[in-house]
Amino acid sequence: MTAKAIPIITLAAATLLTGPAFAHHVMDGSLPATFTDGLLSGLGHPVIGLDHFAAVVAVGCLAAAHRAGTALAIGFVLAMIAGVAGHLQGASVPSAEILVAGSVIVLGAVLLAHRQLNALAALGLFAVVGLLHGYALGESIFGAEQTPLAAYLIGLAAIQSAIALAAMRIARLVTDANAMRLRLVGAGIAGIGIAILMQQVVPSV
């Protein structure tokens, strides 16, 4: 087995072992009731949800190609927070789960194609993806009291920023060593999106 094959195999295995993408709840499906509950929920959601985790990793990898990569990654996080806020304010996004899966596919495909998006195009893509994922994540906190809600947003922003910036730094190292490995990661991320999309559009047997 070559080192190049490891990213795809790892991500494929994660896909097969992961349950439905939108059933992830850190608090066993109940709303956070305290500041600590909200913080832990915010920290946990993007990690236990493979679709969200894959998207944040892809954003970090794509941001790595830009000098303003840190600003682009933070822009994604801010858009994600805006998406959560929109959901809490009663905004409605039809077929949000399918759109989220599609966004993961798009991010993976761009990474796989090794396309050099300009900074404005990257920011636009990250903003749309951030809004969609934030909207989806907002479902788990809808109806919570103000204190756990604030803690949730703090935790969510912190963990998303940490993952995206870590992925960006690793991607820069990997690109310097062997750009093909980063393209393989893109293939794995697109595969995750396709698997999740199939969960949404194909009826369970």
Protein backbone atom coordinates (compact mmCIF):
# COMPACT_ATOMS: atom_id res chain seq x y z
CA MET A 1 0.00 0.00 0.00
CA THR A 2 1.39 3.38 -0.98
CA ALA A 3 1.30 6.47 1.19
CA LYS A 4 -0.81 8.15 -1.51
CA ALA A 5 -3.60 5.62 -1.01
CA ILE A 6 -3.94 6.21 2.72
CA PRO A 7 -6.10 9.38 2.63
CA ILE A 8 -8.76 7.81 0.39
CA ILE A 9 -8.83 4.52 2.29
CA THR A 10 -9.14 6.31 5.61
CA LEU A 11 -11.94 8.57 4.42
CA ALA A 12 -13.76 5.73 2.68
CA ALA A 13 -13.66 3.67 5.87
CA ALA A 14 -14.99 6.61 7.84
CA THR A 15 -17.84 6.96 5.37
CA LEU A 16 -18.81 3.32 5.67
CA LEU A 17 -18.71 3.41 9.45
CA THR A 18 -20.70 6.60 9.82
CA GLY A 19 -24.46 6.62 10.31
CA PRO A 20 -26.86 9.14 8.83
CA ALA A 21 -25.12 12.46 8.53
CA PHE A 22 -27.82 14.62 10.03
CA ALA A 23 -28.62 12.55 13.11
CA HIS A 24 -25.59 13.76 15.07
CA HIS A 25 -26.35 15.27 18.47
CA VAL A 26 -23.78 15.69 21.20
CA MET A 27 -26.46 15.89 23.92
CA ASP A 28 -28.30 12.71 22.86
CA GLY A 29 -30.86 14.71 20.93
CA SER A 30 -31.82 17.07 23.77
CA LEU A 31 -31.25 20.81 23.79
CA PRO A 32 -28.28 22.14 25.79
CA ALA A 33 -29.52 23.61 29.08
CA THR A 34 -26.37 25.18 30.53
CA PHE A 35 -23.36 27.16 29.31
CA THR A 36 -21.20 24.02 29.56
CA ASP A 37 -23.72 21.93 27.64
CA GLY A 38 -23.89 24.55 24.92
CA LEU A 39 -20.11 24.85 24.68
CA LEU A 40 -19.61 21.08 24.44
CA SER A 41 -22.36 20.81 21.88
CA GLY A 42 -20.79 23.53 19.75
CA LEU A 43 -17.37 21.93 20.00
CA GLY A 44 -18.70 18.48 19.16
CA HIS A 45 -21.10 18.97 16.26
CA PRO A 46 -18.58 19.66 13.49
CA VAL A 47 -16.46 16.73 14.69
CA ILE A 48 -19.08 13.97 15.00
CA GLY A 49 -20.80 15.05 11.78
CA LEU A 50 -18.61 13.71 8.96
CA ASP A 51 -20.24 15.98 6.38
CA HIS A 52 -19.39 19.11 8.35
CA PHE A 53 -15.92 17.88 9.26
CA ALA A 54 -15.12 17.08 5.62
CA ALA A 55 -16.32 20.51 4.51
CA VAL A 56 -14.16 22.34 7.05
CA VAL A 57 -11.10 20.28 6.10
CA ALA A 58 -11.73 21.03 2.42
CA VAL A 59 -12.06 24.75 3.14
CA GLY A 60 -8.73 24.71 4.97
CA CYS A 61 -7.04 22.83 2.14
CA LEU A 62 -8.38 25.20 -0.51
CA ALA A 63 -7.49 28.26 1.58
CA ALA A 64 -3.89 27.00 1.73
CA ALA A 65 -3.32 28.17 -1.85
CA HIS A 66 -3.81 31.82 -0.86
CA ARG A 67 -1.71 34.30 1.06
CA ALA A 68 -4.93 35.42 2.72
CA GLY A 69 -5.77 31.83 3.60
CA THR A 70 -6.39 32.61 7.26
CA ALA A 71 -8.83 35.38 6.39
CA LEU A 72 -10.63 33.09 3.92
CA ALA A 73 -10.97 30.34 6.52
CA ILE A 74 -12.31 32.80 9.09
CA GLY A 75 -14.70 34.12 6.45
CA PHE A 76 -16.13 30.62 6.13
CA VAL A 77 -16.59 30.40 9.91
CA LEU A 78 -18.36 33.77 10.00
CA ALA A 79 -20.68 32.67 7.18
CA MET A 80 -21.40 29.47 9.09
CA ILE A 81 -22.35 31.47 12.19
CA ALA A 82 -24.59 33.63 9.99
CA GLY A 83 -26.24 30.45 8.70
CA VAL A 84 -26.97 29.32 12.26
CA ALA A 85 -28.41 32.75 13.05
CA GLY A 86 -30.59 32.64 9.95
CA HIS A 87 -32.04 29.31 11.01
CA LEU A 88 -32.72 30.60 14.51
CA GLN A 89 -34.51 33.61 13.02
CA GLY A 90 -36.86 31.33 11.12
CA ALA A 91 -35.25 31.26 7.67
CA SER A 92 -36.20 28.24 5.58
CA VAL A 93 -33.88 26.44 3.16
CA PRO A 94 -35.70 23.71 1.21
CA SER A 95 -33.78 20.42 0.82
CA ALA A 96 -31.02 21.75 3.07
CA GLU A 97 -29.60 18.30 3.76
CA ILE A 98 -29.21 17.58 0.05
CA LEU A 99 -27.62 20.99 -0.52
CA VAL A 100 -25.15 20.37 2.30
CA ALA A 101 -24.13 17.05 0.77
CA GLY A 102 -23.81 18.74 -2.61
CA SER A 103 -21.56 21.40 -1.12
CA VAL A 104 -19.21 18.72 0.19
CA ILE A 105 -19.06 17.18 -3.29
CA VAL A 106 -18.25 20.56 -4.85
CA LEU A 107 -15.48 21.31 -2.36
CA GLY A 108 -13.95 17.88 -2.88
CA ALA A 109 -14.19 18.18 -6.66
CA VAL A 110 -12.46 21.58 -6.67
CA LEU A 111 -9.70 20.18 -4.47
CA LEU A 112 -9.38 17.07 -6.65
CA ALA A 113 -9.16 19.16 -9.82
CA HIS A 114 -6.41 21.21 -8.18
CA ARG A 115 -8.04 24.38 -9.46
CA GLN A 116 -6.50 27.63 -8.31
CA LEU A 117 -9.55 29.72 -7.42
CA ASN A 118 -8.84 33.40 -7.05
CA ALA A 119 -9.40 34.83 -3.58
CA LEU A 120 -12.76 36.39 -4.43
CA ALA A 121 -14.11 33.17 -5.95
CA ALA A 122 -12.84 31.17 -2.97
CA LEU A 123 -14.50 33.59 -0.55
CA GLY A 124 -17.78 33.36 -2.46
CA LEU A 125 -17.68 29.55 -2.41
CA PHE A 126 -16.79 29.46 1.28
CA ALA A 127 -19.59 31.91 2.11
CA VAL A 128 -22.24 29.80 0.37
CA VAL A 129 -20.97 26.57 1.93
CA GLY A 130 -20.70 28.21 5.35
CA LEU A 131 -24.28 29.48 5.20
CA LEU A 132 -25.60 26.05 4.21
CA HIS A 133 -23.70 24.17 6.89
CA GLY A 134 -24.54 26.77 9.51
CA TYR A 135 -28.22 26.44 8.67
CA ALA A 136 -28.02 22.66 9.07
CA LEU A 137 -26.14 22.93 12.36
CA GLY A 138 -28.68 25.45 13.64
CA GLU A 139 -31.35 22.75 13.74
CA SER A 140 -29.71 21.12 16.77
CA ILE A 141 -29.78 24.33 18.84
CA PHE A 142 -33.14 25.71 17.71
CA GLY A 143 -35.23 26.62 20.75
CA ALA A 144 -32.36 26.75 23.25
CA GLU A 145 -32.12 29.46 25.90
CA GLN A 146 -29.82 32.44 25.36
CA THR A 147 -26.91 31.29 27.59
CA PRO A 148 -26.41 27.79 26.11
CA LEU A 149 -27.03 29.25 22.65
CA ALA A 150 -24.22 31.78 23.08
CA ALA A 151 -21.93 29.05 24.39
CA TYR A 152 -22.83 26.84 21.44
CA LEU A 153 -21.85 29.56 18.97
CA ILE A 154 -18.57 30.15 20.80
CA GLY A 155 -17.70 26.46 20.72
CA LEU A 156 -18.80 26.08 17.11
CA ALA A 157 -16.70 29.02 15.92
CA ALA A 158 -13.67 27.90 17.93
CA ILE A 159 -13.61 24.30 16.70
CA GLN A 160 -14.36 25.18 13.07
CA SER A 161 -11.58 27.77 13.08
CA ALA A 162 -9.12 25.34 14.67
CA ILE A 163 -9.89 22.56 12.17
CA ALA A 164 -9.79 24.84 9.12
CA LEU A 165 -6.52 26.52 10.12
CA ALA A 166 -4.89 23.20 11.02
CA ALA A 167 -5.97 21.72 7.67
CA MET A 168 -4.57 24.80 5.91
CA ARG A 169 -1.17 24.44 7.53
CA ILE A 170 -1.00 20.70 6.85
CA ALA A 171 -2.12 21.23 3.24
CA ARG A 172 0.72 23.68 2.66
CA LEU A 173 3.23 21.14 3.94
CA VAL A 174 1.69 18.34 1.87
CA THR A 175 1.60 20.48 -1.28
CA ASP A 176 5.27 21.31 -0.89
CA ALA A 177 6.08 17.60 -0.56
CA ASN A 178 3.63 16.03 -3.03
CA ALA A 179 0.59 17.87 -4.44
CA MET A 180 -1.01 14.59 -5.56
CA ARG A 181 -1.71 13.63 -1.95
CA LEU A 182 -3.87 16.72 -1.55
CA ARG A 183 -5.82 15.79 -4.68
CA LEU A 184 -6.43 12.34 -3.20
CA VAL A 185 -7.85 13.99 -0.09
CA GLY A 186 -10.16 15.92 -2.41
CA ALA A 187 -11.31 12.66 -3.98
CA GLY A 188 -12.04 11.26 -0.54
CA ILE A 189 -14.02 14.36 0.47
CA ALA A 190 -16.07 14.23 -2.74
CA GLY A 191 -16.71 10.54 -2.01
CA ILE A 192 -18.02 11.43 1.43
CA GLY A 193 -20.38 13.96 -0.11
CA ILE A 194 -21.65 11.41 -2.63
CA ALA A 195 -22.22 8.80 0.09
CA ILE A 196 -24.15 11.30 2.22
CA LEU A 197 -26.17 12.46 -0.78
CA MET A 198 -27.14 8.86 -1.48
CA GLN A 199 -28.37 8.55 2.12
CA GLN A 200 -30.68 11.49 1.50
CA VAL A 201 -32.08 10.61 -1.93
CA VAL A 202 -32.24 6.81 -1.83
CA PRO A 203 -35.04 5.45 0.39
CA SER A 204 -33.92 3.13 3.17
CA VAL A 205 -34.64 -0.53 2.50
